[in-house]
Amino acid sequence: MPKIFNTLDKIRPVYDWTYKIVMFICKILLIVDILITTMAVLGRYVPFIPDPAWSEQVVLTCMVYMTVLSATLAIHKNAHIRMTVFDQYLPAKVVKVLDVVSDIAVMILGVILLVKGIEVCQSPLAKFGKYESMPWLSRVWMYIPIPLAGGSMIIFELEQLYEHIKAFFVKEVA
């Protein structure tokens, strides 16, 4: 059985590459967020700096993107919030099974986010709705983080599920 895991371990760079891309996107969004917020705040107090009407909506949209994408990054690093208080009292096999159940539950959430998010993005509200301060921009951009988060959740949960299943068959080297 470990031979199949050796073969599957070769796709690990794909997960690391995906993680780096998502992290880069989050960094860019944070920089954009900071710059627009700084411009908006300065625009309120410094006469020659404009305070664009669209700044608040763009900042909030960037925050939504960062929130959902960074949540998926936590899945990759296995750093998401979870209850582990009973792990020390339960047998190791039970903890491993509960990890797999947890992975499956989060993956189901990812699938729901992906499917329903695509549905919402294709709805008339998203297609034909416009930002109040930017009437030329479709509200689809506001809803895209939902399926985006679902897709990245699925990708990173597949990795975690693989690692937890692998733990059943491959003994850890201390």
C-alpha atoms as a PDB file:
ATOM      1  CA  MET A   1       0.000   0.000   0.000  1.00  0.00           C
ATOM      2  CA  PRO A   2       2.775   2.567   0.714  1.00  0.00           C
ATOM      3  CA  LYS A   3       3.813   2.467  -2.980  1.00  0.00           C
ATOM      4  CA  ILE A   4       0.546   4.132  -3.971  1.00  0.00           C
ATOM      5  CA  PHE A   5       1.212   6.844  -1.393  1.00  0.00           C
ATOM      6  CA  ASN A   6       4.701   7.397  -2.805  1.00  0.00           C
ATOM      7  CA  THR A   7       3.132   7.913  -6.213  1.00  0.00           C
ATOM      8  CA  LEU A   8       0.424  10.241  -4.880  1.00  0.00           C
ATOM      9  CA  ASP A   9       2.988  12.240  -2.893  1.00  0.00           C
ATOM     10  CA  LYS A  10       4.397  13.431  -6.206  1.00  0.00           C
ATOM     11  CA  ILE A  11       1.422  15.801  -6.637  1.00  0.00           C
ATOM     12  CA  ARG A  12       2.248  17.625  -3.389  1.00  0.00           C
ATOM     13  CA  PRO A  13       3.965  20.447  -5.354  1.00  0.00           C
ATOM     14  CA  VAL A  14       0.591  21.195  -6.988  1.00  0.00           C
ATOM     15  CA  TYR A  15      -0.901  21.894  -3.560  1.00  0.00           C
ATOM     16  CA  ASP A  16       2.080  24.004  -2.557  1.00  0.00           C
ATOM     17  CA  TRP A  17       1.867  25.908  -5.845  1.00  0.00           C
ATOM     18  CA  THR A  18      -1.873  26.503  -5.337  1.00  0.00           C
ATOM     19  CA  TYR A  19      -1.184  27.674  -1.775  1.00  0.00           C
ATOM     20  CA  LYS A  20       1.418  30.159  -3.025  1.00  0.00           C
ATOM     21  CA  ILE A  21      -0.954  31.543  -5.658  1.00  0.00           C
ATOM     22  CA  VAL A  22      -3.805  31.994  -3.170  1.00  0.00           C
ATOM     23  CA  MET A  23      -1.396  33.559  -0.650  1.00  0.00           C
ATOM     24  CA  PHE A  24      -0.117  35.953  -3.333  1.00  0.00           C
ATOM     25  CA  ILE A  25      -3.690  36.961  -4.187  1.00  0.00           C
ATOM     26  CA  CYS A  26      -4.401  37.600  -0.491  1.00  0.00           C
ATOM     27  CA  LYS A  27      -1.267  39.755  -0.206  1.00  0.00           C
ATOM     28  CA  ILE A  28      -2.235  41.809  -3.260  1.00  0.00           C
ATOM     29  CA  LEU A  29      -5.762  42.263  -1.896  1.00  0.00           C
ATOM     30  CA  LEU A  30      -4.365  43.411   1.451  1.00  0.00           C
ATOM     31  CA  ILE A  31      -2.094  45.952  -0.236  1.00  0.00           C
ATOM     32  CA  VAL A  32      -4.982  47.239  -2.372  1.00  0.00           C
ATOM     33  CA  ASP A  33      -7.168  47.406   0.732  1.00  0.00           C
ATOM     34  CA  ILE A  34      -4.590  49.402   2.679  1.00  0.00           C
ATOM     35  CA  LEU A  35      -3.899  51.806  -0.203  1.00  0.00           C
ATOM     36  CA  ILE A  36      -7.569  52.525  -0.912  1.00  0.00           C
ATOM     37  CA  THR A  37      -8.387  52.919   2.788  1.00  0.00           C
ATOM     38  CA  THR A  38      -5.434  55.281   3.244  1.00  0.00           C
ATOM     39  CA  MET A  39      -6.535  57.321   0.235  1.00  0.00           C
ATOM     40  CA  ALA A  40     -10.126  57.468   1.509  1.00  0.00           C
ATOM     41  CA  VAL A  41      -9.105  58.547   5.010  1.00  0.00           C
ATOM     42  CA  LEU A  42      -6.639  61.143   3.727  1.00  0.00           C
ATOM     43  CA  GLY A  43      -9.279  62.337   1.257  1.00  0.00           C
ATOM     44  CA  ARG A  44     -11.539  63.271   4.155  1.00  0.00           C
ATOM     45  CA  TYR A  45      -8.933  65.446   5.850  1.00  0.00           C
ATOM     46  CA  VAL A  46      -6.531  66.641   3.147  1.00  0.00           C
ATOM     47  CA  PRO A  47      -8.182  69.008   0.650  1.00  0.00           C
ATOM     48  CA  PHE A  48      -6.228  68.079  -2.502  1.00  0.00           C
ATOM     49  CA  ILE A  49      -6.573  64.258  -2.116  1.00  0.00           C
ATOM     50  CA  PRO A  50      -9.846  62.901  -3.534  1.00  0.00           C
ATOM     51  CA  ASP A  51     -12.092  60.604  -1.509  1.00  0.00           C
ATOM     52  CA  PRO A  52     -13.694  58.423  -4.177  1.00  0.00           C
ATOM     53  CA  ALA A  53     -17.285  57.339  -3.614  1.00  0.00           C
ATOM     54  CA  TRP A  54     -16.424  53.754  -4.523  1.00  0.00           C
ATOM     55  CA  SER A  55     -13.702  53.289  -1.901  1.00  0.00           C
ATOM     56  CA  GLU A  56     -15.873  51.726   0.817  1.00  0.00           C
ATOM     57  CA  GLN A  57     -17.445  49.132  -1.467  1.00  0.00           C
ATOM     58  CA  VAL A  58     -14.107  48.134  -2.998  1.00  0.00           C
ATOM     59  CA  VAL A  59     -12.478  47.843   0.440  1.00  0.00           C
ATOM     60  CA  LEU A  60     -15.323  45.661   1.712  1.00  0.00           C
ATOM     61  CA  THR A  61     -15.215  43.476  -1.391  1.00  0.00           C
ATOM     62  CA  CYS A  62     -11.452  43.011  -0.991  1.00  0.00           C
ATOM     63  CA  MET A  63     -11.992  42.076   2.647  1.00  0.00           C
ATOM     64  CA  VAL A  64     -14.523  39.427   1.675  1.00  0.00           C
ATOM     65  CA  TYR A  65     -12.091  37.945  -0.845  1.00  0.00           C
ATOM     66  CA  MET A  66      -9.287  37.915   1.733  1.00  0.00           C
ATOM     67  CA  THR A  67     -11.501  36.344   4.393  1.00  0.00           C
ATOM     68  CA  VAL A  68     -12.689  33.398   2.344  1.00  0.00           C
ATOM     69  CA  LEU A  69      -9.340  32.797   0.668  1.00  0.00           C
ATOM     70  CA  SER A  70      -7.367  32.964   3.908  1.00  0.00           C
ATOM     71  CA  ALA A  71      -9.778  30.459   5.450  1.00  0.00           C
ATOM     72  CA  THR A  72      -8.822  28.006   2.727  1.00  0.00           C
ATOM     73  CA  LEU A  73      -5.144  28.690   3.392  1.00  0.00           C
ATOM     74  CA  ALA A  74      -5.694  27.638   7.002  1.00  0.00           C
ATOM     75  CA  ILE A  75      -6.998  24.293   5.737  1.00  0.00           C
ATOM     76  CA  HIS A  76      -3.759  23.711   3.804  1.00  0.00           C
ATOM     77  CA  LYS A  77      -1.628  24.477   6.860  1.00  0.00           C
ATOM     78  CA  ASN A  78      -4.015  22.551   9.137  1.00  0.00           C
ATOM     79  CA  ALA A  79      -4.291  25.717  11.212  1.00  0.00           C
ATOM     80  CA  HIS A  80      -8.056  26.153  11.244  1.00  0.00           C
ATOM     81  CA  ILE A  81      -9.927  26.325  14.536  1.00  0.00           C
ATOM     82  CA  ARG A  82     -11.015  22.932  15.789  1.00  0.00           C
ATOM     83  CA  MET A  83     -11.754  21.114  19.006  1.00  0.00           C
ATOM     84  CA  THR A  84      -8.821  18.997  20.118  1.00  0.00           C
ATOM     85  CA  VAL A  85      -9.399  18.963  23.863  1.00  0.00           C
ATOM     86  CA  PHE A  86     -10.525  15.320  23.836  1.00  0.00           C
ATOM     87  CA  ASP A  87      -7.829  14.084  21.457  1.00  0.00           C
ATOM     88  CA  GLN A  88      -5.503  13.225  24.327  1.00  0.00           C
ATOM     89  CA  TYR A  89      -8.149  11.053  25.986  1.00  0.00           C
ATOM     90  CA  LEU A  90      -9.267   9.158  22.880  1.00  0.00           C
ATOM     91  CA  PRO A  91      -7.431   6.303  21.183  1.00  0.00           C
ATOM     92  CA  ALA A  92      -5.240   7.403  18.267  1.00  0.00           C
ATOM     93  CA  LYS A  93      -7.346   5.439  15.732  1.00  0.00           C
ATOM     94  CA  VAL A  94     -10.524   7.201  16.888  1.00  0.00           C
ATOM     95  CA  VAL A  95      -8.841  10.590  16.520  1.00  0.00           C
ATOM     96  CA  LYS A  96      -7.742   9.653  12.992  1.00  0.00           C
ATOM     97  CA  VAL A  97     -11.281   8.566  12.093  1.00  0.00           C
ATOM     98  CA  LEU A  98     -12.684  11.817  13.515  1.00  0.00           C
ATOM     99  CA  ASP A  99     -10.137  13.764  11.449  1.00  0.00           C
ATOM    100  CA  VAL A 100     -11.379  12.005   8.304  1.00  0.00           C
ATOM    101  CA  VAL A 101     -15.024  12.706   9.257  1.00  0.00           C
ATOM    102  CA  SER A 102     -14.112  16.354   9.847  1.00  0.00           C
ATOM    103  CA  ASP A 103     -12.375  16.529   6.459  1.00  0.00           C
ATOM    104  CA  ILE A 104     -15.412  15.063   4.729  1.00  0.00           C
ATOM    105  CA  ALA A 105     -17.725  17.554   6.466  1.00  0.00           C
ATOM    106  CA  VAL A 106     -15.570  20.519   5.425  1.00  0.00           C
ATOM    107  CA  MET A 107     -15.328  19.141   1.886  1.00  0.00           C
ATOM    108  CA  ILE A 108     -19.130  18.900   1.738  1.00  0.00           C
ATOM    109  CA  LEU A 109     -19.245  22.547   2.803  1.00  0.00           C
ATOM    110  CA  GLY A 110     -16.790  23.354   0.002  1.00  0.00           C
ATOM    111  CA  VAL A 111     -18.969  21.569  -2.547  1.00  0.00           C
ATOM    112  CA  ILE A 112     -22.054  23.439  -1.313  1.00  0.00           C
ATOM    113  CA  LEU A 113     -20.195  26.762  -1.534  1.00  0.00           C
ATOM    114  CA  LEU A 114     -18.993  25.941  -5.030  1.00  0.00           C
ATOM    115  CA  VAL A 115     -22.356  24.777  -6.391  1.00  0.00           C
ATOM    116  CA  LYS A 116     -24.538  27.386  -4.689  1.00  0.00           C
ATOM    117  CA  GLY A 117     -21.958  30.100  -5.320  1.00  0.00           C
ATOM    118  CA  ILE A 118     -22.011  29.413  -9.046  1.00  0.00           C
ATOM    119  CA  GLU A 119     -25.810  29.465  -8.872  1.00  0.00           C
ATOM    120  CA  VAL A 120     -25.768  32.855  -7.131  1.00  0.00           C
ATOM    121  CA  CYS A 121     -23.212  34.253  -9.597  1.00  0.00           C
ATOM    122  CA  GLN A 122     -25.518  33.291 -12.465  1.00  0.00           C
ATOM    123  CA  SER A 123     -28.624  34.783 -10.852  1.00  0.00           C
ATOM    124  CA  PRO A 124     -30.189  37.968 -12.242  1.00  0.00           C
ATOM    125  CA  LEU A 125     -29.314  39.815  -9.016  1.00  0.00           C
ATOM    126  CA  ALA A 126     -25.615  39.202  -9.599  1.00  0.00           C
ATOM    127  CA  LYS A 127     -25.638  39.584 -13.376  1.00  0.00           C
ATOM    128  CA  PHE A 128     -27.730  42.702 -13.641  1.00  0.00           C
ATOM    129  CA  GLY A 129     -27.197  44.252 -10.211  1.00  0.00           C
ATOM    130  CA  LYS A 130     -24.699  47.083 -10.040  1.00  0.00           C
ATOM    131  CA  TYR A 131     -22.630  48.664  -7.302  1.00  0.00           C
ATOM    132  CA  GLU A 132     -24.275  51.898  -6.156  1.00  0.00           C
ATOM    133  CA  SER A 133     -21.111  53.964  -6.480  1.00  0.00           C
ATOM    134  CA  MET A 134     -19.882  52.156  -9.621  1.00  0.00           C
ATOM    135  CA  PRO A 135     -22.896  51.615 -11.887  1.00  0.00           C
ATOM    136  CA  TRP A 136     -20.672  50.225 -14.654  1.00  0.00           C
ATOM    137  CA  LEU A 137     -19.510  47.295 -12.466  1.00  0.00           C
ATOM    138  CA  SER A 138     -21.605  44.150 -12.072  1.00  0.00           C
ATOM    139  CA  ARG A 139     -22.309  42.718  -8.621  1.00  0.00           C
ATOM    140  CA  VAL A 140     -20.998  39.366  -9.839  1.00  0.00           C
ATOM    141  CA  TRP A 141     -17.654  40.519  -8.431  1.00  0.00           C
ATOM    142  CA  MET A 142     -19.237  40.657  -4.993  1.00  0.00           C
ATOM    143  CA  TYR A 143     -20.430  37.038  -5.202  1.00  0.00           C
ATOM    144  CA  ILE A 144     -17.428  35.392  -6.900  1.00  0.00           C
ATOM    145  CA  PRO A 145     -15.631  34.759  -3.570  1.00  0.00           C
ATOM    146  CA  ILE A 146     -18.272  32.165  -2.669  1.00  0.00           C
ATOM    147  CA  PRO A 147     -17.504  29.619  -5.420  1.00  0.00           C
ATOM    148  CA  LEU A 148     -13.831  30.612  -5.315  1.00  0.00           C
ATOM    149  CA  ALA A 149     -13.667  29.688  -1.638  1.00  0.00           C
ATOM    150  CA  GLY A 150     -15.588  26.476  -2.275  1.00  0.00           C
ATOM    151  CA  GLY A 151     -13.178  25.409  -4.993  1.00  0.00           C
ATOM    152  CA  SER A 152     -10.088  26.157  -2.923  1.00  0.00           C
ATOM    153  CA  MET A 153     -11.627  24.435   0.097  1.00  0.00           C
ATOM    154  CA  ILE A 154     -12.143  21.308  -1.968  1.00  0.00           C
ATOM    155  CA  ILE A 155      -8.566  21.401  -3.276  1.00  0.00           C
ATOM    156  CA  PHE A 156      -6.989  21.828   0.149  1.00  0.00           C
ATOM    157  CA  GLU A 157      -9.404  19.417   1.855  1.00  0.00           C
ATOM    158  CA  LEU A 158      -8.484  16.734  -0.673  1.00  0.00           C
ATOM    159  CA  GLU A 159      -4.910  17.172   0.484  1.00  0.00           C
ATOM    160  CA  GLN A 160      -5.860  16.943   4.174  1.00  0.00           C
ATOM    161  CA  LEU A 161      -8.118  13.952   3.557  1.00  0.00           C
ATOM    162  CA  TYR A 162      -5.297  12.226   1.709  1.00  0.00           C
ATOM    163  CA  GLU A 163      -2.893  12.905   4.594  1.00  0.00           C
ATOM    164  CA  HIS A 164      -5.335  11.560   7.170  1.00  0.00           C
ATOM    165  CA  ILE A 165      -6.089   8.423   5.153  1.00  0.00           C
ATOM    166  CA  LYS A 166      -2.379   7.935   4.544  1.00  0.00           C
ATOM    167  CA  ALA A 167      -1.817   8.037   8.332  1.00  0.00           C
ATOM    168  CA  PHE A 168      -3.851   4.806   8.619  1.00  0.00           C
ATOM    169  CA  PHE A 169      -1.504   2.890   6.333  1.00  0.00           C
ATOM    170  CA  VAL A 170       1.912   4.503   6.666  1.00  0.00           C
ATOM    171  CA  LYS A 171       3.592   4.463  10.061  1.00  0.00           C
ATOM    172  CA  GLU A 172       5.152   7.759  11.117  1.00  0.00           C
ATOM    173  CA  VAL A 173       8.896   7.795  11.519  1.00  0.00           C
ATOM    174  CA  ALA A 174       9.887   9.463  14.783  1.00  0.00           C
END
